[in-house]
Amino acid sequence: MKAQNRNILLLYDNALSHKEGEVELSNITTARLPKNTTVLLQPMDQGHMETIDTIEWINVAWNAMPERVLRNCWRHAELLTDRLLSVAHILN
């Protein structure tokens, strides 16, 4: 970064694992966020990651579902007839 004359601002929260002043680099400036502001800035602190995880789990479950099971569900619910299912098969 120094060779490209780039400057970096590294923001960090007040976690105990973040230590100040251990390493100084010429093109990197560090700044500590004010207390209790990470919940406003970090999606993981707002529960968004739980939503993303849930969507991923639904996707995995959906993709693991055999096609024949889905066809049977549609057929038993009488939403798709055998005739429509056979047309859908041709289109795929």
Protein backbone atom coordinates (compact mmCIF):
# COMPACT_ATOMS: atom_id res chain seq x y z
CA MET A 1 0.00 0.00 0.00
CA LYS A 2 2.82 2.37 0.77
CA ALA A 3 4.33 1.86 -2.68
CA GLN A 4 0.97 2.81 -4.23
CA ASN A 5 0.69 5.82 -1.89
CA ARG A 6 -2.60 4.54 -0.43
CA ASN A 7 -3.86 5.34 3.04
CA ILE A 8 -6.09 3.09 5.10
CA LEU A 9 -8.40 3.90 8.01
CA LEU A 10 -8.97 0.85 10.20
CA LEU A 11 -11.96 1.16 12.53
CA TYR A 12 -12.30 -1.21 15.48
CA ASP A 13 -14.66 -1.67 18.40
CA ASN A 14 -13.91 -1.83 22.10
CA ALA A 15 -13.54 -5.61 22.33
CA LEU A 16 -10.97 -6.67 24.90
CA SER A 17 -9.01 -8.56 22.25
CA HIS A 18 -8.26 -5.33 20.34
CA LYS A 19 -5.06 -3.84 21.67
CA GLU A 20 -3.80 -0.37 20.87
CA GLY A 21 -0.34 0.67 19.80
CA GLU A 22 1.23 -2.77 19.24
CA VAL A 23 2.21 -2.07 15.63
CA GLU A 24 2.54 1.23 13.81
CA LEU A 25 2.37 1.40 10.04
CA SER A 26 2.94 4.57 8.06
CA ASN A 27 -0.05 4.30 5.73
CA ILE A 28 -2.55 2.84 8.21
CA THR A 29 -4.45 4.92 10.75
CA THR A 30 -6.50 3.20 13.44
CA ALA A 31 -9.52 4.63 15.21
CA ARG A 32 -11.61 3.12 17.98
CA LEU A 33 -15.38 3.35 17.59
CA PRO A 34 -17.30 4.99 20.44
CA LYS A 35 -18.79 2.59 22.99
CA ASN A 36 -22.10 0.92 22.11
CA THR A 37 -22.02 1.96 18.44
CA THR A 38 -21.13 -1.39 16.89
CA VAL A 39 -24.76 -2.51 17.06
CA LEU A 40 -25.57 0.37 14.71
CA LEU A 41 -22.76 -0.40 12.29
CA GLN A 42 -22.26 -4.15 12.24
CA PRO A 43 -25.01 -6.36 10.77
CA MET A 44 -23.90 -9.37 12.82
CA ASP A 45 -24.74 -7.45 15.99
CA GLN A 46 -28.26 -6.77 14.67
CA GLY A 47 -29.31 -10.37 14.10
CA HIS A 48 -28.98 -10.17 10.30
CA MET A 49 -26.64 -13.14 10.31
CA GLU A 50 -29.37 -15.29 11.86
CA THR A 51 -31.66 -14.35 8.97
CA ILE A 52 -28.96 -15.11 6.41
CA ASP A 53 -28.23 -18.46 8.11
CA THR A 54 -31.94 -19.32 8.07
CA ILE A 55 -32.20 -18.54 4.35
CA GLU A 56 -29.15 -20.71 3.68
CA TRP A 57 -30.61 -23.62 5.70
CA ILE A 58 -33.90 -23.36 3.78
CA ASN A 59 -31.96 -23.36 0.50
CA VAL A 60 -29.98 -26.46 1.51
CA ALA A 61 -33.16 -28.27 2.60
CA TRP A 62 -34.98 -27.32 -0.60
CA ASN A 63 -32.12 -28.51 -2.81
CA ALA A 64 -31.90 -31.78 -0.86
CA MET A 65 -35.59 -32.55 -1.51
CA PRO A 66 -35.99 -35.22 -4.21
CA GLU A 67 -38.03 -34.07 -7.21
CA ARG A 68 -40.40 -37.04 -6.89
CA VAL A 69 -41.39 -35.91 -3.38
CA LEU A 70 -42.23 -32.43 -4.66
CA ARG A 71 -44.22 -33.88 -7.56
CA ASN A 72 -46.22 -36.07 -5.16
CA CYS A 73 -46.96 -33.10 -2.91
CA TRP A 74 -48.23 -31.05 -5.85
CA ARG A 75 -50.26 -33.99 -7.09
CA HIS A 76 -51.85 -34.73 -3.68
CA ALA A 77 -52.66 -31.04 -3.17
CA GLU A 78 -54.32 -31.17 -6.61
CA LEU A 79 -52.42 -28.07 -7.67
CA LEU A 80 -50.81 -29.82 -10.63
CA THR A 81 -52.31 -32.66 -12.58
CA ASP A 82 -50.31 -35.51 -14.07
CA ARG A 83 -50.80 -33.86 -17.45
CA LEU A 84 -49.25 -30.57 -16.29
CA LEU A 85 -46.41 -32.41 -14.57
CA SER A 86 -45.61 -34.25 -17.80
CA VAL A 87 -45.54 -30.93 -19.71
CA ALA A 88 -43.25 -29.40 -17.10
CA HIS A 89 -40.94 -32.38 -17.52
CA ILE A 90 -40.77 -31.76 -21.30
CA LEU A 91 -39.91 -28.08 -20.78
CA ASN A 92 -37.02 -28.95 -18.47
